[in-house]
Amino acid sequence: MTGESWRLLRHEAAPGAWNMAVDEVLLEEAIKGAGPVLRFYSWRPYALSLGHFQAGTVVDRASCAQAGVDVVRRPTGGRAVLHADEVTYSIILPSTHPIAQLGVIASYQALSRGLTLGLAHLGIEAQLARMEHAPAPLSAATSEMGAQAACFDAPSWYELLAKGRKLVGSAQVRRSGALLQHGSIPLTLVPQDLYRLLSFSNQAVRERAQQAFAAKAAGLRDVTSQRLTVDSVVDALINGFRQAMACIMQADELTPAELVRAQELERKHADPDWLWRRSKV
């Protein structure tokens, strides 16, 4: 990988449907053989994203509407993420790339090195979660609809921790051998903002789940005294990936054809229930 060229995209805040559409377009291009892409973006308005196969019933739609929070469905798996004060990254690799040819776990670990080095530039010492941090099996008391709906409620063993708390929530999908991995890196994490958007049978269960979440997850500002901005975090992560991949980052924009295709896909992603509607056709 030494000296290979990566396409670098830095995008302004945009609605969730557009963000997901662009990631999907870039994956389509990777399937056709386009080279590696590193993309950074954020969300306006804030959005709750669901994993590809996650049931929409975990969401309290009325609360989302009242809060002005969009609901979208990711092309990747995993559980619900509230995208608010954060940096979101995506990495897209063609099937011929050495990392795309690795297994799922090994590819997560390889890409996590870029995140780890990037956070180190911010003075944050992060480590890959170990097996002993794997979430415990669900009990009857914790398996209720909303209690395990949130991505950050427990780290997986390929994700990043600092001071024992999860910092980055990542998810991955493969299509025709091409790889898309994207992830949420909160600068500020406010558990109650997420948990008021999820469905629970009663307030007591909601509060217990929220407290458990708060003990397991953190925003970057919780683990460093440095003054962080979106731009400073993105700059650090670019340096981290450049170092980890030994690559050349080429700043770029979406092509006219990619913009047209993203507009087509945006209509699909604007409906968080599109997957279920399609399955009934």
Protein backbone atom coordinates (compact mmCIF):
# COMPACT_ATOMS: atom_id res chain seq x y z
CA MET A 1 0.00 0.00 0.00
CA THR A 2 3.04 2.30 0.29
CA GLY A 3 2.58 5.45 -1.77
CA GLU A 4 -0.87 4.55 -3.12
CA SER A 5 -3.26 7.41 -3.80
CA TRP A 6 -6.46 7.80 -1.77
CA ARG A 7 -9.26 10.15 -2.73
CA LEU A 8 -10.04 12.55 0.14
CA LEU A 9 -13.53 14.07 0.46
CA ARG A 10 -14.40 16.66 3.13
CA HIS A 11 -18.08 17.50 3.02
CA GLU A 12 -20.16 20.12 4.79
CA ALA A 13 -23.01 19.16 7.11
CA ALA A 14 -25.96 17.69 5.19
CA PRO A 15 -29.21 15.79 5.82
CA GLY A 16 -28.90 12.12 6.71
CA ALA A 17 -30.52 10.84 3.51
CA TRP A 18 -27.90 12.68 1.45
CA ASN A 19 -25.03 11.45 3.61
CA MET A 20 -26.12 7.83 3.23
CA ALA A 21 -26.77 8.24 -0.49
CA VAL A 22 -23.24 9.56 -1.09
CA ASP A 23 -21.66 6.68 0.82
CA GLU A 24 -23.69 4.24 -1.27
CA VAL A 25 -22.66 5.96 -4.51
CA LEU A 26 -19.01 5.70 -3.55
CA LEU A 27 -19.49 2.01 -2.80
CA GLU A 28 -21.05 1.54 -6.24
CA GLU A 29 -18.01 3.20 -7.78
CA ALA A 30 -15.68 0.93 -5.79
CA ILE A 31 -17.54 -2.10 -7.15
CA LYS A 32 -16.67 -0.77 -10.63
CA GLY A 33 -13.01 -0.57 -9.61
CA ALA A 34 -12.56 3.02 -8.36
CA GLY A 35 -9.69 3.54 -5.93
CA PRO A 36 -9.72 4.01 -2.14
CA VAL A 37 -11.74 6.86 -0.66
CA LEU A 38 -11.58 8.53 2.77
CA ARG A 39 -14.56 10.78 3.41
CA PHE A 40 -15.55 13.03 6.32
CA TYR A 41 -18.95 14.60 6.88
CA SER A 42 -21.46 15.74 9.49
CA TRP A 43 -25.22 16.04 9.85
CA ARG A 44 -27.73 18.89 9.65
CA PRO A 45 -30.34 18.44 10.93
CA TYR A 46 -29.20 15.88 13.48
CA ALA A 47 -30.21 12.34 12.54
CA LEU A 48 -30.83 8.95 14.08
CA SER A 49 -29.44 6.23 11.83
CA LEU A 50 -30.58 2.62 12.07
CA GLY A 51 -28.55 -0.42 11.11
CA HIS A 52 -29.52 -1.92 7.76
CA PHE A 53 -31.64 -4.71 9.24
CA GLN A 54 -32.57 -3.07 12.54
CA ALA A 55 -36.31 -2.94 13.24
CA GLY A 56 -37.80 0.51 12.89
CA THR A 57 -39.92 -0.15 15.97
CA VAL A 58 -36.95 0.76 18.19
CA VAL A 59 -37.55 4.41 17.27
CA ASP A 60 -40.03 6.75 18.91
CA ARG A 61 -41.02 8.58 15.73
CA ALA A 62 -43.08 11.22 17.53
CA SER A 63 -40.13 12.16 19.73
CA CYS A 64 -37.83 12.39 16.70
CA ALA A 65 -40.30 14.65 14.91
CA GLN A 66 -40.69 16.85 17.97
CA ALA A 67 -36.90 17.17 18.33
CA GLY A 68 -36.40 17.84 14.62
CA VAL A 69 -34.25 14.73 14.24
CA ASP A 70 -34.25 12.86 10.92
CA VAL A 71 -34.46 9.05 10.86
CA VAL A 72 -32.43 7.23 8.20
CA ARG A 73 -31.26 3.70 7.51
CA ARG A 74 -27.60 2.92 6.93
CA PRO A 75 -26.37 0.51 4.24
CA THR A 76 -24.25 -1.05 7.01
CA GLY A 77 -25.32 -3.14 9.97
CA GLY A 78 -25.28 -2.40 13.66
CA ARG A 79 -27.60 -0.50 15.94
CA ALA A 80 -28.99 3.01 16.30
CA VAL A 81 -26.67 6.02 16.37
CA LEU A 82 -27.61 9.63 17.05
CA HIS A 83 -25.50 11.84 14.81
CA ALA A 84 -25.22 15.20 16.55
CA ASP A 85 -21.99 16.93 17.62
CA GLU A 86 -19.65 14.53 15.86
CA VAL A 87 -17.31 13.73 13.01
CA THR A 88 -18.40 10.91 10.72
CA TYR A 89 -15.89 9.09 8.55
CA SER A 90 -16.33 6.62 5.74
CA ILE A 91 -13.77 4.46 3.96
CA ILE A 92 -14.53 2.83 0.64
CA LEU A 93 -12.20 0.25 -0.89
CA PRO A 94 -12.39 -1.77 -4.13
CA SER A 95 -12.30 -5.57 -3.98
CA THR A 96 -8.68 -5.55 -5.18
CA HIS A 97 -7.43 -3.57 -2.20
CA PRO A 98 -5.41 -5.66 0.30
CA ILE A 99 -7.58 -4.57 3.23
CA ALA A 100 -10.79 -5.43 1.39
CA GLN A 101 -9.38 -8.91 0.85
CA LEU A 102 -9.01 -9.45 4.59
CA GLY A 103 -11.74 -10.97 6.73
CA VAL A 104 -14.19 -8.68 8.48
CA ILE A 105 -12.36 -8.66 11.83
CA ALA A 106 -8.90 -8.19 10.32
CA SER A 107 -10.10 -5.36 8.08
CA TYR A 108 -11.70 -3.56 11.03
CA GLN A 109 -8.44 -3.89 12.92
CA ALA A 110 -6.37 -2.61 9.99
CA LEU A 111 -8.59 0.44 9.52
CA SER A 112 -8.75 1.08 13.25
CA ARG A 113 -5.02 1.82 13.15
CA GLY A 114 -5.75 4.99 11.21
CA LEU A 115 -8.30 6.03 13.81
CA THR A 116 -5.94 5.24 16.67
CA LEU A 117 -3.09 7.26 15.18
CA GLY A 118 -5.43 10.11 14.39
CA LEU A 119 -6.73 10.28 17.94
CA ALA A 120 -3.15 10.18 19.20
CA HIS A 121 -2.55 13.47 17.35
CA LEU A 122 -5.28 14.89 19.61
CA GLY A 123 -3.59 13.58 22.74
CA ILE A 124 -6.13 10.75 23.11
CA GLU A 125 -4.74 7.30 23.83
CA ALA A 126 -7.21 4.81 22.41
CA GLN A 127 -6.99 1.03 22.31
CA LEU A 128 -8.81 -1.70 20.46
CA ALA A 129 -11.40 -3.33 22.70
CA ARG A 130 -10.33 -6.76 23.94
CA MET A 131 -12.47 -9.85 24.20
CA GLU A 132 -13.03 -9.23 27.90
CA HIS A 133 -14.90 -6.06 26.92
CA ALA A 134 -17.38 -7.96 24.77
CA PRO A 135 -20.99 -7.29 25.78
CA ALA A 136 -22.57 -9.77 28.16
CA PRO A 137 -25.42 -11.97 26.89
CA LEU A 138 -28.79 -10.28 27.08
CA SER A 139 -30.93 -11.07 30.07
CA ALA A 140 -34.71 -10.87 30.15
CA ALA A 141 -34.35 -7.58 32.01
CA THR A 142 -32.13 -5.94 29.37
CA SER A 143 -33.35 -7.40 26.10
CA GLU A 144 -36.42 -5.19 25.85
CA MET A 145 -36.84 -3.24 22.62
CA GLY A 146 -34.93 -0.04 23.33
CA ALA A 147 -32.47 -1.30 25.90
CA GLN A 148 -30.06 -2.81 23.38
CA ALA A 149 -30.94 -0.61 20.41
CA ALA A 150 -28.05 1.85 20.67
CA CYS A 151 -24.72 1.34 18.92
CA PHE A 152 -22.59 2.79 21.72
CA ASP A 153 -24.17 0.80 24.57
CA ALA A 154 -21.38 -1.81 24.47
CA PRO A 155 -18.09 -2.00 22.57
CA SER A 156 -17.31 -4.79 20.14
CA TRP A 157 -13.83 -6.20 20.32
CA TYR A 158 -12.66 -4.45 17.15
CA GLU A 159 -13.68 -0.95 18.29
CA LEU A 160 -11.84 1.82 20.10
CA LEU A 161 -11.90 2.59 23.80
CA ALA A 162 -10.37 5.32 25.93
CA LYS A 163 -10.41 5.07 29.71
CA GLY A 164 -12.60 2.00 29.31
CA ARG A 165 -15.33 3.80 27.36
CA LYS A 166 -16.25 3.44 23.71
CA LEU A 167 -15.21 6.40 21.52
CA VAL A 168 -15.99 5.28 17.96
CA GLY A 169 -18.96 3.33 16.63
CA SER A 170 -18.15 1.72 13.27
CA ALA A 171 -20.04 -0.54 10.89
CA GLN A 172 -19.14 -2.27 7.64
CA VAL A 173 -20.75 -3.77 4.55
CA ARG A 174 -19.32 -5.70 1.59
CA ARG A 175 -20.82 -5.74 -1.89
CA SER A 176 -19.22 -7.67 -4.73
CA GLY A 177 -16.02 -7.69 -2.68
CA ALA A 178 -15.90 -3.89 -2.30
CA LEU A 179 -15.88 -2.55 1.26
CA LEU A 180 -17.66 0.36 2.92
CA GLN A 181 -16.88 1.14 6.54
CA HIS A 182 -18.24 4.23 8.22
CA GLY A 183 -18.30 5.36 11.79
CA SER A 184 -19.47 7.95 14.27
CA ILE A 185 -16.92 9.84 16.39
CA PRO A 186 -18.84 12.03 18.86
CA LEU A 187 -17.15 15.17 20.14
CA THR A 188 -19.88 15.50 22.75
CA LEU A 189 -22.08 12.57 23.79
CA VAL A 190 -25.33 13.31 25.63
CA PRO A 191 -27.06 9.99 26.48
CA GLN A 192 -30.46 11.51 27.24
CA ASP A 193 -30.58 13.05 23.75
CA LEU A 194 -30.42 9.56 22.25
CA TYR A 195 -32.58 7.68 24.71
CA ARG A 196 -35.52 10.04 24.44
CA LEU A 197 -35.70 9.03 20.75
CA LEU A 198 -35.94 5.26 21.39
CA SER A 199 -39.02 3.26 22.33
CA PHE A 200 -39.36 1.80 25.83
CA SER A 201 -42.23 0.21 27.70
CA ASN A 202 -41.81 2.64 30.61
CA GLN A 203 -39.62 5.44 31.89
CA ALA A 204 -37.83 3.30 34.48
CA VAL A 205 -36.47 0.96 31.81
CA ARG A 206 -35.41 3.96 29.71
CA GLU A 207 -33.49 5.47 32.61
CA ARG A 208 -31.70 2.21 33.45
CA ALA A 209 -30.63 1.75 29.83
CA GLN A 210 -29.49 5.37 29.62
CA GLN A 211 -27.38 5.06 32.76
CA ALA A 212 -25.74 1.88 31.48
CA PHE A 213 -24.99 3.60 28.17
CA ALA A 214 -23.42 6.61 29.91
CA ALA A 215 -21.02 4.33 31.79
CA LYS A 216 -19.83 2.61 28.60
CA ALA A 217 -19.52 5.41 26.04
CA ALA A 218 -17.82 8.80 25.78
CA GLY A 219 -17.32 11.74 23.48
CA LEU A 220 -13.84 12.96 22.63
CA ARG A 221 -14.24 15.96 24.91
CA ASP A 222 -14.79 13.57 27.84
CA VAL A 223 -11.30 12.11 27.49
CA THR A 224 -9.10 15.10 26.61
CA SER A 225 -8.64 18.65 27.81
CA GLN A 226 -7.67 19.87 24.34
CA ARG A 227 -9.99 22.31 22.62
CA LEU A 228 -11.55 20.30 19.81
CA THR A 229 -13.38 21.43 16.70
CA VAL A 230 -14.72 19.40 13.81
CA ASP A 231 -11.90 20.68 11.61
CA SER A 232 -9.16 19.89 14.14
CA VAL A 233 -10.48 16.35 14.57
CA VAL A 234 -10.74 15.79 10.82
CA ASP A 235 -7.21 17.14 10.28
CA ALA A 236 -5.86 14.76 12.93
CA LEU A 237 -7.69 11.76 11.47
CA ILE A 238 -6.42 12.53 7.97
CA ASN A 239 -2.88 12.52 9.34
CA GLY A 240 -3.58 9.28 11.18
CA PHE A 241 -4.87 7.49 8.09
CA ARG A 242 -2.08 8.91 5.94
CA GLN A 243 0.42 7.50 8.42
CA ALA A 244 -1.34 4.14 8.90
CA MET A 245 -1.89 3.49 5.19
CA ALA A 246 1.38 5.07 4.02
CA CYS A 247 -0.69 6.72 1.30
CA ILE A 248 -1.04 10.01 -0.53
CA MET A 249 -4.32 11.85 0.16
CA GLN A 250 -5.69 13.69 -2.88
CA ALA A 251 -8.37 16.26 -2.02
CA ASP A 252 -11.33 15.91 -4.36
CA GLU A 253 -15.04 16.59 -4.90
CA LEU A 254 -17.90 14.44 -6.13
CA THR A 255 -18.13 14.17 -9.90
CA PRO A 256 -21.25 15.38 -11.75
CA ALA A 257 -22.26 11.76 -12.37
CA GLU A 258 -21.85 10.90 -8.67
CA LEU A 259 -23.99 13.90 -7.71
CA VAL A 260 -26.78 12.80 -10.05
CA ARG A 261 -26.68 9.24 -8.72
CA ALA A 262 -26.67 10.48 -5.12
CA GLN A 263 -29.78 12.54 -5.84
CA GLU A 264 -31.48 9.39 -7.12
CA LEU A 265 -30.52 7.38 -4.04
CA GLU A 266 -31.39 10.22 -1.65
CA ARG A 267 -35.08 9.65 -2.33
CA LYS A 268 -34.73 6.06 -1.13
CA HIS A 269 -32.77 6.97 1.99
CA ALA A 270 -35.27 9.68 2.93
CA ASP A 271 -37.63 6.82 3.84
CA PRO A 272 -36.14 4.87 6.79
CA ASP A 273 -38.59 2.03 6.08
CA TRP A 274 -37.54 1.57 2.46
CA LEU A 275 -36.04 -1.85 3.14
CA TRP A 276 -39.29 -3.20 4.54
CA ARG A 277 -41.42 -1.63 1.80
CA ARG A 278 -39.20 -3.24 -0.83
CA SER A 279 -39.47 -6.66 0.83
CA LYS A 280 -43.28 -6.52 0.51
CA VAL A 281 -43.29 -5.73 -3.20
